[in-house]
Amino acid sequence: MRLVSFTSQGALRWGRLEGDAVVDLSGAAAPKSVLALLEAGDDALAIARRASGMRHALADVQLHAPVLRPPKILGIGLNYADHAKETNQKPPEVPLVFNKQVTATSGPFDAIVRPRVS
């Protein structure tokens, strides 16, 4: 199941992607966001898989990052052999863990702003 956050007719909503349509699961009885759904656990996810809702054509909505403001973003540096090789670095003996700011999320078609110093 692919979960999405999206805007339709000026309203922020969330739902399930099905082919070229989004099934709106933002109903009053459902969790209020993709994050709330994920936090609710397996039973809530099973309900979301079967739930029905208004269908929106994918072309008519603006997709956002599925989880709009994640509590944290953790990364693992050089986490596969090819990455270490392509950067001419030795694979680390222990994972290189780093964090990113939660503002680093973006939608699939959003512009990525990169400062000149990057």
PDB file of N, CA and C in Angstrom:
ATOM      1  N   MET A   1       0.855  -1.171   0.000  1.00  0.00           N
ATOM      2  CA  MET A   1       0.000   0.000   0.000  1.00  0.00           C
ATOM      3  C   MET A   1       0.899   1.232   0.000  1.00  0.00           C
ATOM      4  N   ARG A   2       0.594   2.152  -0.891  1.00  0.00           N
ATOM      5  CA  ARG A   2       1.336   3.411  -0.962  1.00  0.00           C
ATOM      6  C   ARG A   2       0.475   4.516  -0.364  1.00  0.00           C
ATOM      7  N   LEU A   3       0.962   5.090   0.718  1.00  0.00           N
ATOM      8  CA  LEU A   3       0.253   6.167   1.390  1.00  0.00           C
ATOM      9  C   LEU A   3       0.747   7.502   0.878  1.00  0.00           C
ATOM     10  N   VAL A   4      -0.163   8.455   0.751  1.00  0.00           N
ATOM     11  CA  VAL A   4       0.191   9.777   0.238  1.00  0.00           C
ATOM     12  C   VAL A   4      -0.471  10.870   1.066  1.00  0.00           C
ATOM     13  N   SER A   5       0.201  12.002   1.143  1.00  0.00           N
ATOM     14  CA  SER A   5      -0.398  13.243   1.623  1.00  0.00           C
ATOM     15  C   SER A   5      -0.560  14.106   0.381  1.00  0.00           C
ATOM     16  N   PHE A   6      -1.680  14.803   0.285  1.00  0.00           N
ATOM     17  CA  PHE A   6      -1.934  15.563  -0.935  1.00  0.00           C
ATOM     18  C   PHE A   6      -2.860  16.733  -0.654  1.00  0.00           C
ATOM     19  N   THR A   7      -2.874  17.677  -1.587  1.00  0.00           N
ATOM     20  CA  THR A   7      -3.813  18.792  -1.529  1.00  0.00           C
ATOM     21  C   THR A   7      -4.783  18.641  -2.690  1.00  0.00           C
ATOM     22  N   SER A   8      -6.061  18.774  -2.373  1.00  0.00           N
ATOM     23  CA  SER A   8      -7.105  18.763  -3.390  1.00  0.00           C
ATOM     24  C   SER A   8      -8.065  19.899  -3.084  1.00  0.00           C
ATOM     25  N   GLN A   9      -8.298  20.744  -4.053  1.00  0.00           N
ATOM     26  CA  GLN A   9      -9.191  21.886  -3.911  1.00  0.00           C
ATOM     27  C   GLN A   9      -8.861  22.712  -2.666  1.00  0.00           C
ATOM     28  N   GLY A  10      -7.563  22.921  -2.444  1.00  0.00           N
ATOM     29  CA  GLY A  10      -7.099  23.769  -1.346  1.00  0.00           C
ATOM     30  C   GLY A  10      -7.069  23.112   0.017  1.00  0.00           C
ATOM     31  N   ALA A  11      -7.475  21.841   0.123  1.00  0.00           N
ATOM     32  CA  ALA A  11      -7.503  21.166   1.423  1.00  0.00           C
ATOM     33  C   ALA A  11      -6.407  20.104   1.488  1.00  0.00           C
ATOM     34  N   LEU A  12      -5.666  20.096   2.589  1.00  0.00           N
ATOM     35  CA  LEU A  12      -4.641  19.083   2.820  1.00  0.00           C
ATOM     36  C   LEU A  12      -5.333  17.798   3.263  1.00  0.00           C
ATOM     37  N   ARG A  13      -4.998  16.686   2.600  1.00  0.00           N
ATOM     38  CA  ARG A  13      -5.653  15.412   2.855  1.00  0.00           C
ATOM     39  C   ARG A  13      -4.620  14.298   2.815  1.00  0.00           C
ATOM     40  N   TRP A  14      -5.036  13.082   3.094  1.00  0.00           N
ATOM     41  CA  TRP A  14      -4.150  11.932   2.953  1.00  0.00           C
ATOM     42  C   TRP A  14      -4.949  10.751   2.453  1.00  0.00           C
ATOM     43  N   GLY A  15      -4.250   9.804   1.846  1.00  0.00           N
ATOM     44  CA  GLY A  15      -4.964   8.666   1.301  1.00  0.00           C
ATOM     45  C   GLY A  15      -4.035   7.566   0.816  1.00  0.00           C
ATOM     46  N   ARG A  16      -4.594   6.734  -0.036  1.00  0.00           N
ATOM     47  CA  ARG A  16      -3.917   5.553  -0.571  1.00  0.00           C
ATOM     48  C   ARG A  16      -3.837   5.686  -2.084  1.00  0.00           C
ATOM     49  N   LEU A  17      -2.649   5.506  -2.638  1.00  0.00           N
ATOM     50  CA  LEU A  17      -2.467   5.582  -4.075  1.00  0.00           C
ATOM     51  C   LEU A  17      -2.888   4.262  -4.708  1.00  0.00           C
ATOM     52  N   GLU A  18      -3.729   4.344  -5.735  1.00  0.00           N
ATOM     53  CA  GLU A  18      -4.167   3.164  -6.496  1.00  0.00           C
ATOM     54  C   GLU A  18      -4.070   3.506  -7.973  1.00  0.00           C
ATOM     55  N   GLY A  19      -2.983   3.087  -8.604  1.00  0.00           N
ATOM     56  CA  GLY A  19      -2.795   3.384 -10.023  1.00  0.00           C
ATOM     57  C   GLY A  19      -2.712   4.873 -10.261  1.00  0.00           C
ATOM     58  N   ASP A  20      -3.630   5.394 -11.071  1.00  0.00           N
ATOM     59  CA  ASP A  20      -3.618   6.830 -11.382  1.00  0.00           C
ATOM     60  C   ASP A  20      -4.682   7.583 -10.588  1.00  0.00           C
ATOM     61  N   ALA A  21      -5.025   7.043  -9.415  1.00  0.00           N
ATOM     62  CA  ALA A  21      -6.014   7.693  -8.548  1.00  0.00           C
ATOM     63  C   ALA A  21      -5.542   7.649  -7.096  1.00  0.00           C
ATOM     64  N   VAL A  22      -6.075   8.581  -6.316  1.00  0.00           N
ATOM     65  CA  VAL A  22      -5.826   8.609  -4.884  1.00  0.00           C
ATOM     66  C   VAL A  22      -7.164   8.388  -4.193  1.00  0.00           C
ATOM     67  N   VAL A  23      -7.224   7.404  -3.308  1.00  0.00           N
ATOM     68  CA  VAL A  23      -8.411   7.157  -2.497  1.00  0.00           C
ATOM     69  C   VAL A  23      -8.258   7.996  -1.241  1.00  0.00           C
ATOM     70  N   ASP A  24      -9.152   8.941  -1.042  1.00  0.00           N
ATOM     71  CA  ASP A  24      -9.092   9.877   0.082  1.00  0.00           C
ATOM     72  C   ASP A  24      -9.511   9.155   1.360  1.00  0.00           C
ATOM     73  N   LEU A  25      -8.603   9.069   2.319  1.00  0.00           N
ATOM     74  CA  LEU A  25      -8.889   8.414   3.600  1.00  0.00           C
ATOM     75  C   LEU A  25      -8.908   9.408   4.748  1.00  0.00           C
ATOM     76  N   SER A  26      -9.165  10.659   4.443  1.00  0.00           N
ATOM     77  CA  SER A  26      -9.125  11.724   5.442  1.00  0.00           C
ATOM     78  C   SER A  26     -10.417  11.835   6.238  1.00  0.00           C
ATOM     79  N   GLY A  27     -11.289  10.858   6.141  1.00  0.00           N
ATOM     80  CA  GLY A  27     -12.588  10.920   6.811  1.00  0.00           C
ATOM     81  C   GLY A  27     -12.488  11.115   8.312  1.00  0.00           C
ATOM     82  N   ALA A  28     -13.569  11.560   8.895  1.00  0.00           N
ATOM     83  CA  ALA A  28     -13.598  11.893  10.322  1.00  0.00           C
ATOM     84  C   ALA A  28     -13.270  10.700  11.211  1.00  0.00           C
ATOM     85  N   ALA A  29     -13.578   9.477  10.784  1.00  0.00           N
ATOM     86  CA  ALA A  29     -13.336   8.298  11.617  1.00  0.00           C
ATOM     87  C   ALA A  29     -11.909   7.787  11.500  1.00  0.00           C
ATOM     88  N   ALA A  30     -11.156   8.306  10.565  1.00  0.00           N
ATOM     89  CA  ALA A  30      -9.797   7.820  10.313  1.00  0.00           C
ATOM     90  C   ALA A  30      -8.785   8.688  11.054  1.00  0.00           C
ATOM     91  N   PRO A  31      -7.542   8.199  11.191  1.00  0.00           N
ATOM     92  CA  PRO A  31      -6.497   9.072  11.732  1.00  0.00           C
ATOM     93  C   PRO A  31      -6.388  10.349  10.896  1.00  0.00           C
ATOM     94  N   LYS A  32      -5.801  11.360  11.458  1.00  0.00           N
ATOM     95  CA  LYS A  32      -5.776  12.681  10.819  1.00  0.00           C
ATOM     96  C   LYS A  32      -4.619  12.886   9.849  1.00  0.00           C
ATOM     97  N   SER A  33      -3.686  11.920   9.764  1.00  0.00           N
ATOM     98  CA  SER A  33      -2.539  12.069   8.871  1.00  0.00           C
ATOM     99  C   SER A  33      -1.905  10.710   8.628  1.00  0.00           C
ATOM    100  N   VAL A  34      -0.996  10.655   7.668  1.00  0.00           N
ATOM    101  CA  VAL A  34      -0.253   9.420   7.424  1.00  0.00           C
ATOM    102  C   VAL A  34       0.551   9.063   8.671  1.00  0.00           C
ATOM    103  N   LEU A  35       1.181  10.040   9.303  1.00  0.00           N
ATOM    104  CA  LEU A  35       1.952   9.768  10.514  1.00  0.00           C
ATOM    105  C   LEU A  35       1.058   9.170  11.600  1.00  0.00           C
ATOM    106  N   ALA A  36      -0.129   9.736  11.814  1.00  0.00           N
ATOM    107  CA  ALA A  36      -1.048   9.205  12.825  1.00  0.00           C
ATOM    108  C   ALA A  36      -1.464   7.776  12.482  1.00  0.00           C
ATOM    109  N   LEU A  37      -1.659   7.495  11.212  1.00  0.00           N
ATOM    110  CA  LEU A  37      -1.998   6.134  10.792  1.00  0.00           C
ATOM    111  C   LEU A  37      -0.855   5.177  11.110  1.00  0.00           C
ATOM    112  N   LEU A  38       0.355   5.546  10.764  1.00  0.00           N
ATOM    113  CA  LEU A  38       1.505   4.686  11.036  1.00  0.00           C
ATOM    114  C   LEU A  38       1.683   4.455  12.537  1.00  0.00           C
ATOM    115  N   GLU A  39       1.475   5.500  13.312  1.00  0.00           N
ATOM    116  CA  GLU A  39       1.601   5.375  14.770  1.00  0.00           C
ATOM    117  C   GLU A  39       0.499   4.503  15.357  1.00  0.00           C
ATOM    118  N   ALA A  40      -0.646   4.423  14.685  1.00  0.00           N
ATOM    119  CA  ALA A  40      -1.770   3.627  15.185  1.00  0.00           C
ATOM    120  C   ALA A  40      -1.529   2.123  15.040  1.00  0.00           C
ATOM    121  N   GLY A  41      -0.595   1.722  14.181  1.00  0.00           N
ATOM    122  CA  GLY A  41      -0.201   0.320  14.129  1.00  0.00           C
ATOM    123  C   GLY A  41      -0.856  -0.519  13.055  1.00  0.00           C
ATOM    124  N   ASP A  42      -0.595  -1.819  13.141  1.00  0.00           N
ATOM    125  CA  ASP A  42      -0.998  -2.773  12.114  1.00  0.00           C
ATOM    126  C   ASP A  42      -2.505  -2.843  11.892  1.00  0.00           C
ATOM    127  N   ASP A  43      -3.288  -2.797  12.957  1.00  0.00           N
ATOM    128  CA  ASP A  43      -4.747  -2.874  12.790  1.00  0.00           C
ATOM    129  C   ASP A  43      -5.269  -1.689  11.985  1.00  0.00           C
ATOM    130  N   ALA A  44      -4.758  -0.501  12.274  1.00  0.00           N
ATOM    131  CA  ALA A  44      -5.174   0.693  11.532  1.00  0.00           C
ATOM    132  C   ALA A  44      -4.734   0.608  10.078  1.00  0.00           C
ATOM    133  N   LEU A  45      -3.537   0.074   9.833  1.00  0.00           N
ATOM    134  CA  LEU A  45      -3.060  -0.087   8.458  1.00  0.00           C
ATOM    135  C   LEU A  45      -3.938  -1.080   7.693  1.00  0.00           C
ATOM    136  N   ALA A  46      -4.354  -2.144   8.346  1.00  0.00           N
ATOM    137  CA  ALA A  46      -5.236  -3.122   7.692  1.00  0.00           C
ATOM    138  C   ALA A  46      -6.565  -2.477   7.321  1.00  0.00           C
ATOM    139  N   ILE A  47      -7.086  -1.650   8.184  1.00  0.00           N
ATOM    140  CA  ILE A  47      -8.339  -0.950   7.897  1.00  0.00           C
ATOM    141  C   ILE A  47      -8.141   0.004   6.713  1.00  0.00           C
ATOM    142  N   ALA A  48      -7.012   0.714   6.696  1.00  0.00           N
ATOM    143  CA  ALA A  48      -6.733   1.659   5.605  1.00  0.00           C
ATOM    144  C   ALA A  48      -6.605   0.939   4.265  1.00  0.00           C
ATOM    145  N   ARG A  49      -6.096  -0.288   4.281  1.00  0.00           N
ATOM    146  CA  ARG A  49      -5.979  -1.063   3.025  1.00  0.00           C
ATOM    147  C   ARG A  49      -7.341  -1.350   2.419  1.00  0.00           C
ATOM    148  N   ARG A  50      -8.345  -1.565   3.275  1.00  0.00           N
ATOM    149  CA  ARG A  50      -9.685  -1.949   2.801  1.00  0.00           C
ATOM    150  C   ARG A  50     -10.651  -0.774   2.699  1.00  0.00           C
ATOM    151  N   ALA A  51     -10.310   0.351   3.288  1.00  0.00           N
ATOM    152  CA  ALA A  51     -11.243   1.480   3.378  1.00  0.00           C
ATOM    153  C   ALA A  51     -11.556   2.060   2.006  1.00  0.00           C
ATOM    154  N   SER A  52     -12.753   2.576   1.909  1.00  0.00           N
ATOM    155  CA  SER A  52     -13.139   3.277   0.680  1.00  0.00           C
ATOM    156  C   SER A  52     -13.240   4.767   0.983  1.00  0.00           C
ATOM    157  N   GLY A  53     -13.166   5.544  -0.041  1.00  0.00           N
ATOM    158  CA  GLY A  53     -13.266   6.988   0.104  1.00  0.00           C
ATOM    159  C   GLY A  53     -13.375   7.607  -1.267  1.00  0.00           C
ATOM    160  N   MET A  54     -13.541   8.908  -1.278  1.00  0.00           N
ATOM    161  CA  MET A  54     -13.636   9.615  -2.545  1.00  0.00           C
ATOM    162  C   MET A  54     -12.354   9.399  -3.349  1.00  0.00           C
ATOM    163  N   ARG A  55     -12.492   9.159  -4.634  1.00  0.00           N
ATOM    164  CA  ARG A  55     -11.335   8.959  -5.512  1.00  0.00           C
ATOM    165  C   ARG A  55     -11.024  10.272  -6.227  1.00  0.00           C
ATOM    166  N   HIS A  56      -9.751  10.618  -6.231  1.00  0.00           N
ATOM    167  CA  HIS A  56      -9.271  11.805  -6.935  1.00  0.00           C
ATOM    168  C   HIS A  56      -8.316  11.337  -8.024  1.00  0.00           C
ATOM    169  N   ALA A  57      -8.430  11.891  -9.208  1.00  0.00           N
ATOM    170  CA  ALA A  57      -7.452  11.597 -10.246  1.00  0.00           C
ATOM    171  C   ALA A  57      -6.100  12.119  -9.788  1.00  0.00           C
ATOM    172  N   LEU A  58      -5.072  11.313  -9.935  1.00  0.00           N
ATOM    173  CA  LEU A  58      -3.734  11.712  -9.510  1.00  0.00           C
ATOM    174  C   LEU A  58      -3.320  13.022 -10.165  1.00  0.00           C
ATOM    175  N   ALA A  59      -3.719  13.225 -11.407  1.00  0.00           N
ATOM    176  CA  ALA A  59      -3.362  14.448 -12.129  1.00  0.00           C
ATOM    177  C   ALA A  59      -4.032  15.692 -11.532  1.00  0.00           C
ATOM    178  N   ASP A  60      -5.078  15.496 -10.715  1.00  0.00           N
ATOM    179  CA  ASP A  60      -5.821  16.632 -10.159  1.00  0.00           C
ATOM    180  C   ASP A  60      -5.402  17.012  -8.744  1.00  0.00           C
ATOM    181  N   VAL A  61      -4.407  16.325  -8.189  1.00  0.00           N
ATOM    182  CA  VAL A  61      -3.973  16.631  -6.823  1.00  0.00           C
ATOM    183  C   VAL A  61      -2.506  17.013  -6.822  1.00  0.00           C
ATOM    184  N   GLN A  62      -2.094  17.697  -5.761  1.00  0.00           N
ATOM    185  CA  GLN A  62      -0.674  17.995  -5.570  1.00  0.00           C
ATOM    186  C   GLN A  62      -0.164  17.073  -4.478  1.00  0.00           C
ATOM    187  N   LEU A  63       0.799  16.223  -4.828  1.00  0.00           N
ATOM    188  CA  LEU A  63       1.373  15.318  -3.845  1.00  0.00           C
ATOM    189  C   LEU A  63       2.394  16.043  -2.985  1.00  0.00           C
ATOM    190  N   HIS A  64       2.462  15.632  -1.723  1.00  0.00           N
ATOM    191  CA  HIS A  64       3.447  16.142  -0.772  1.00  0.00           C
ATOM    192  C   HIS A  64       4.270  14.954  -0.286  1.00  0.00           C
ATOM    193  N   ALA A  65       5.225  15.197   0.589  1.00  0.00           N
ATOM    194  CA  ALA A  65       5.909  14.086   1.244  1.00  0.00           C
ATOM    195  C   ALA A  65       4.846  13.286   1.990  1.00  0.00           C
ATOM    196  N   PRO A  66       4.900  11.962   1.970  1.00  0.00           N
ATOM    197  CA  PRO A  66       3.861  11.180   2.658  1.00  0.00           C
ATOM    198  C   PRO A  66       3.715  11.570   4.127  1.00  0.00           C
ATOM    199  N   VAL A  67       4.834  11.675   4.832  1.00  0.00           N
ATOM    200  CA  VAL A  67       4.828  12.139   6.227  1.00  0.00           C
ATOM    201  C   VAL A  67       5.335  13.569   6.186  1.00  0.00           C
ATOM    202  N   LEU A  68       4.433  14.506   6.445  1.00  0.00           N
ATOM    203  CA  LEU A  68       4.750  15.920   6.249  1.00  0.00           C
ATOM    204  C   LEU A  68       5.836  16.428   7.187  1.00  0.00           C
ATOM    205  N   ARG A  69       5.745  16.107   8.449  1.00  0.00           N
ATOM    206  CA  ARG A  69       6.726  16.561   9.441  1.00  0.00           C
ATOM    207  C   ARG A  69       7.137  15.346  10.276  1.00  0.00           C
ATOM    208  N   PRO A  70       8.041  14.532   9.755  1.00  0.00           N
ATOM    209  CA  PRO A  70       8.439  13.345  10.518  1.00  0.00           C
ATOM    210  C   PRO A  70       9.106  13.745  11.831  1.00  0.00           C
ATOM    211  N   PRO A  71       8.957  12.929  12.864  1.00  0.00           N
ATOM    212  CA  PRO A  71       9.583  13.267  14.149  1.00  0.00           C
ATOM    213  C   PRO A  71      11.105  13.351  14.048  1.00  0.00           C
ATOM    214  N   LYS A  72      11.687  12.535  13.168  1.00  0.00           N
ATOM    215  CA  LYS A  72      13.137  12.582  12.966  1.00  0.00           C
ATOM    216  C   LYS A  72      13.462  11.919  11.639  1.00  0.00           C
ATOM    217  N   ILE A  73      14.612  12.276  11.109  1.00  0.00           N
ATOM    218  CA  ILE A  73      15.127  11.639   9.902  1.00  0.00           C
ATOM    219  C   ILE A  73      16.546  11.204  10.213  1.00  0.00           C
ATOM    220  N   LEU A  74      16.787   9.910  10.133  1.00  0.00           N
ATOM    221  CA  LEU A  74      18.113   9.367  10.375  1.00  0.00           C
ATOM    222  C   LEU A  74      18.653   8.792   9.083  1.00  0.00           C
ATOM    223  N   GLY A  75      19.921   8.958   8.869  1.00  0.00           N
ATOM    224  CA  GLY A  75      20.569   8.398   7.686  1.00  0.00           C
ATOM    225  C   GLY A  75      21.741   7.531   8.095  1.00  0.00           C
ATOM    226  N   ILE A  76      22.109   6.622   7.207  1.00  0.00           N
ATOM    227  CA  ILE A  76      23.271   5.769   7.430  1.00  0.00           C
ATOM    228  C   ILE A  76      24.238   6.032   6.274  1.00  0.00           C
ATOM    229  N   GLY A  77      25.406   6.539   6.587  1.00  0.00           N
ATOM    230  CA  GLY A  77      26.389   6.873   5.564  1.00  0.00           C
ATOM    231  C   GLY A  77      27.157   5.656   5.071  1.00  0.00           C
ATOM    232  N   LEU A  78      27.472   5.666   3.784  1.00  0.00           N
ATOM    233  CA  LEU A  78      28.219   4.571   3.150  1.00  0.00           C
ATOM    234  C   LEU A  78      27.614   3.219   3.512  1.00  0.00           C
ATOM    235  N   ASN A  79      26.304   3.115   3.389  1.00  0.00           N
ATOM    236  CA  ASN A  79      25.599   1.929   3.881  1.00  0.00           C
ATOM    237  C   ASN A  79      25.565   0.763   2.907  1.00  0.00           C
ATOM    238  N   TYR A  80      26.224   0.878   1.773  1.00  0.00           N
ATOM    239  CA  TYR A  80      26.337  -0.273   0.874  1.00  0.00           C
ATOM    240  C   TYR A  80      27.689  -0.184   0.159  1.00  0.00           C
ATOM    241  N   ALA A  81      28.220  -1.335  -0.203  1.00  0.00           N
ATOM    242  CA  ALA A  81      29.589  -1.420  -0.723  1.00  0.00           C
ATOM    243  C   ALA A  81      29.802  -0.548  -1.953  1.00  0.00           C
ATOM    244  N   ASP A  82      28.836  -0.530  -2.877  1.00  0.00           N
ATOM    245  CA  ASP A  82      29.002   0.266  -4.098  1.00  0.00           C
ATOM    246  C   ASP A  82      29.132   1.756  -3.794  1.00  0.00           C
ATOM    247  N   HIS A  83      28.412   2.235  -2.761  1.00  0.00           N
ATOM    248  CA  HIS A  83      28.500   3.650  -2.405  1.00  0.00           C
ATOM    249  C   HIS A  83      29.899   3.979  -1.914  1.00  0.00           C
ATOM    250  N   ALA A  84      30.447   3.113  -1.071  1.00  0.00           N
ATOM    251  CA  ALA A  84      31.806   3.336  -0.586  1.00  0.00           C
ATOM    252  C   ALA A  84      32.784   3.313  -1.753  1.00  0.00           C
ATOM    253  N   LYS A  85      32.606   2.361  -2.655  1.00  0.00           N
ATOM    254  CA  LYS A  85      33.510   2.223  -3.802  1.00  0.00           C
ATOM    255  C   LYS A  85      33.444   3.450  -4.719  1.00  0.00           C
ATOM    256  N   GLU A  86      32.234   3.932  -5.016  1.00  0.00           N
ATOM    257  CA  GLU A  86      32.108   5.065  -5.935  1.00  0.00           C
ATOM    258  C   GLU A  86      32.624   6.365  -5.340  1.00  0.00           C
ATOM    259  N   THR A  87      32.755   6.422  -4.009  1.00  0.00           N
ATOM    260  CA  THR A  87      33.311   7.612  -3.363  1.00  0.00           C
ATOM    261  C   THR A  87      34.763   7.395  -2.940  1.00  0.00           C
ATOM    262  N   ASN A  88      35.346   6.267  -3.400  1.00  0.00           N
ATOM    263  CA  ASN A  88      36.743   5.935  -3.084  1.00  0.00           C
ATOM    264  C   ASN A  88      37.022   5.926  -1.588  1.00  0.00           C
ATOM    265  N   GLN A  89      36.082   5.377  -0.831  1.00  0.00           N
ATOM    266  CA  GLN A  89      36.248   5.286   0.612  1.00  0.00           C
ATOM    267  C   GLN A  89      36.158   3.831   1.056  1.00  0.00           C
ATOM    268  N   LYS A  90      36.808   3.558   2.135  1.00  0.00           N
ATOM    269  CA  LYS A  90      36.744   2.220   2.721  1.00  0.00           C
ATOM    270  C   LYS A  90      35.414   2.080   3.462  1.00  0.00           C
ATOM    271  N   PRO A  91      34.710   0.947   3.296  1.00  0.00           N
ATOM    272  CA  PRO A  91      33.455   0.770   4.046  1.00  0.00           C
ATOM    273  C   PRO A  91      33.719   0.871   5.549  1.00  0.00           C
ATOM    274  N   PRO A  92      32.876   1.572   6.282  1.00  0.00           N
ATOM    275  CA  PRO A  92      33.107   1.737   7.721  1.00  0.00           C
ATOM    276  C   PRO A  92      32.906   0.416   8.472  1.00  0.00           C
ATOM    277  N   GLU A  93      33.602   0.269   9.580  1.00  0.00           N
ATOM    278  CA  GLU A  93      33.458  -0.931  10.406  1.00  0.00           C
ATOM    279  C   GLU A  93      32.163  -0.896  11.210  1.00  0.00           C
ATOM    280  N   VAL A  94      31.701   0.292  11.549  1.00  0.00           N
ATOM    281  CA  VAL A  94      30.429   0.464  12.251  1.00  0.00           C
ATOM    282  C   VAL A  94      29.595   1.456  11.454  1.00  0.00           C
ATOM    283  N   PRO A  95      28.273   1.378  11.553  1.00  0.00           N
ATOM    284  CA  PRO A  95      27.429   2.304  10.780  1.00  0.00           C
ATOM    285  C   PRO A  95      27.721   3.768  11.109  1.00  0.00           C
ATOM    286  N   LEU A  96      27.731   4.595  10.077  1.00  0.00           N
ATOM    287  CA  LEU A  96      27.874   6.039  10.239  1.00  0.00           C
ATOM    288  C   LEU A  96      26.469   6.635  10.256  1.00  0.00           C
ATOM    289  N   VAL A  97      25.991   6.964  11.425  1.00  0.00           N
ATOM    290  CA  VAL A  97      24.626   7.459  11.589  1.00  0.00           C
ATOM    291  C   VAL A  97      24.662   8.982  11.636  1.00  0.00           C
ATOM    292  N   PHE A  98      23.748   9.596  10.893  1.00  0.00           N
ATOM    293  CA  PHE A  98      23.639  11.061  10.935  1.00  0.00           C
ATOM    294  C   PHE A  98      22.169  11.438  10.865  1.00  0.00           C
ATOM    295  N   ASN A  99      21.871  12.655  11.301  1.00  0.00           N
ATOM    296  CA  ASN A  99      20.486  13.115  11.231  1.00  0.00           C
ATOM    297  C   ASN A  99      20.349  14.221  10.192  1.00  0.00           C
ATOM    298  N   LYS A 100      19.130  14.395   9.736  1.00  0.00           N
ATOM    299  CA  LYS A 100      18.786  15.493   8.830  1.00  0.00           C
ATOM    300  C   LYS A 100      17.669  16.282   9.517  1.00  0.00           C
ATOM    301  N   GLN A 101      17.530  17.503   9.153  1.00  0.00           N
ATOM    302  CA  GLN A 101      16.439  18.310   9.698  1.00  0.00           C
ATOM    303  C   GLN A 101      15.110  17.838   9.104  1.00  0.00           C
ATOM    304  N   VAL A 102      14.043  17.890   9.875  1.00  0.00           N
ATOM    305  CA  VAL A 102      12.753  17.430   9.371  1.00  0.00           C
ATOM    306  C   VAL A 102      12.244  18.297   8.224  1.00  0.00           C
ATOM    307  N   THR A 103      12.815  19.466   8.077  1.00  0.00           N
ATOM    308  CA  THR A 103      12.435  20.320   6.947  1.00  0.00           C
ATOM    309  C   THR A 103      13.043  19.822   5.641  1.00  0.00           C
ATOM    310  N   ALA A 104      13.828  18.750   5.687  1.00  0.00           N
ATOM    311  CA  ALA A 104      14.444  18.203   4.482  1.00  0.00           C
ATOM    312  C   ALA A 104      13.455  17.408   3.633  1.00  0.00           C
ATOM    313  N   THR A 105      12.254  17.180   4.115  1.00  0.00           N
ATOM    314  CA  THR A 105      11.270  16.436   3.335  1.00  0.00           C
ATOM    315  C   THR A 105      10.715  17.318   2.227  1.00  0.00           C
ATOM    316  N   SER A 106      10.323  16.668   1.139  1.00  0.00           N
ATOM    317  CA  SER A 106       9.686  17.391   0.039  1.00  0.00           C
ATOM    318  C   SER A 106       8.790  16.427  -0.718  1.00  0.00           C
ATOM    319  N   GLY A 107       7.889  16.989  -1.478  1.00  0.00           N
ATOM    320  CA  GLY A 107       7.013  16.182  -2.311  1.00  0.00           C
ATOM    321  C   GLY A 107       7.764  15.661  -3.521  1.00  0.00           C
ATOM    322  N   PRO A 108       7.189  14.684  -4.213  1.00  0.00           N
ATOM    323  CA  PRO A 108       7.896  14.056  -5.330  1.00  0.00           C
ATOM    324  C   PRO A 108       8.174  14.982  -6.513  1.00  0.00           C
ATOM    325  N   PHE A 109       7.431  16.060  -6.640  1.00  0.00           N
ATOM    326  CA  PHE A 109       7.642  16.961  -7.779  1.00  0.00           C
ATOM    327  C   PHE A 109       8.024  18.367  -7.334  1.00  0.00           C
ATOM    328  N   ASP A 110       8.320  18.540  -6.038  1.00  0.00           N
ATOM    329  CA  ASP A 110       8.709  19.844  -5.516  1.00  0.00           C
ATOM    330  C   ASP A 110      10.118  20.207  -5.980  1.00  0.00           C
ATOM    331  N   ALA A 111      10.323  21.490  -6.147  1.00  0.00           N
ATOM    332  CA  ALA A 111      11.672  21.975  -6.451  1.00  0.00           C
ATOM    333  C   ALA A 111      12.552  21.751  -5.227  1.00  0.00           C
ATOM    334  N   ILE A 112      13.796  21.406  -5.450  1.00  0.00           N
ATOM    335  CA  ILE A 112      14.743  21.251  -4.354  1.00  0.00           C
ATOM    336  C   ILE A 112      15.663  22.460  -4.391  1.00  0.00           C
ATOM    337  N   VAL A 113      15.618  23.235  -3.332  1.00  0.00           N
ATOM    338  CA  VAL A 113      16.417  24.448  -3.251  1.00  0.00           C
ATOM    339  C   VAL A 113      17.778  24.065  -2.682  1.00  0.00           C
ATOM    340  N   ARG A 114      18.813  24.376  -3.421  1.00  0.00           N
ATOM    341  CA  ARG A 114      20.163  24.044  -2.987  1.00  0.00           C
ATOM    342  C   ARG A 114      20.963  25.328  -2.928  1.00  0.00           C
ATOM    343  N   PRO A 115      21.439  25.678  -1.728  1.00  0.00           N
ATOM    344  CA  PRO A 115      22.240  26.898  -1.603  1.00  0.00           C
ATOM    345  C   PRO A 115      23.488  26.821  -2.480  1.00  0.00           C
ATOM    346  N   ARG A 116      23.975  27.965  -2.908  1.00  0.00           N
ATOM    347  CA  ARG A 116      25.165  28.005  -3.762  1.00  0.00           C
ATOM    348  C   ARG A 116      26.367  27.361  -3.112  1.00  0.00           C
ATOM    349  N   VAL A 117      26.430  27.380  -1.798  1.00  0.00           N
ATOM    350  CA  VAL A 117      27.593  26.809  -1.101  1.00  0.00           C
ATOM    351  C   VAL A 117      27.541  25.289  -1.030  1.00  0.00           C
ATOM    352  N   SER A 118      26.486  24.688  -1.522  1.00  0.00           N
ATOM    353  CA  SER A 118      26.379  23.221  -1.482  1.00  0.00           C
ATOM    354  C   SER A 118      27.276  22.569  -2.499  1.00  0.00           C
TER     355      SER A 118
END
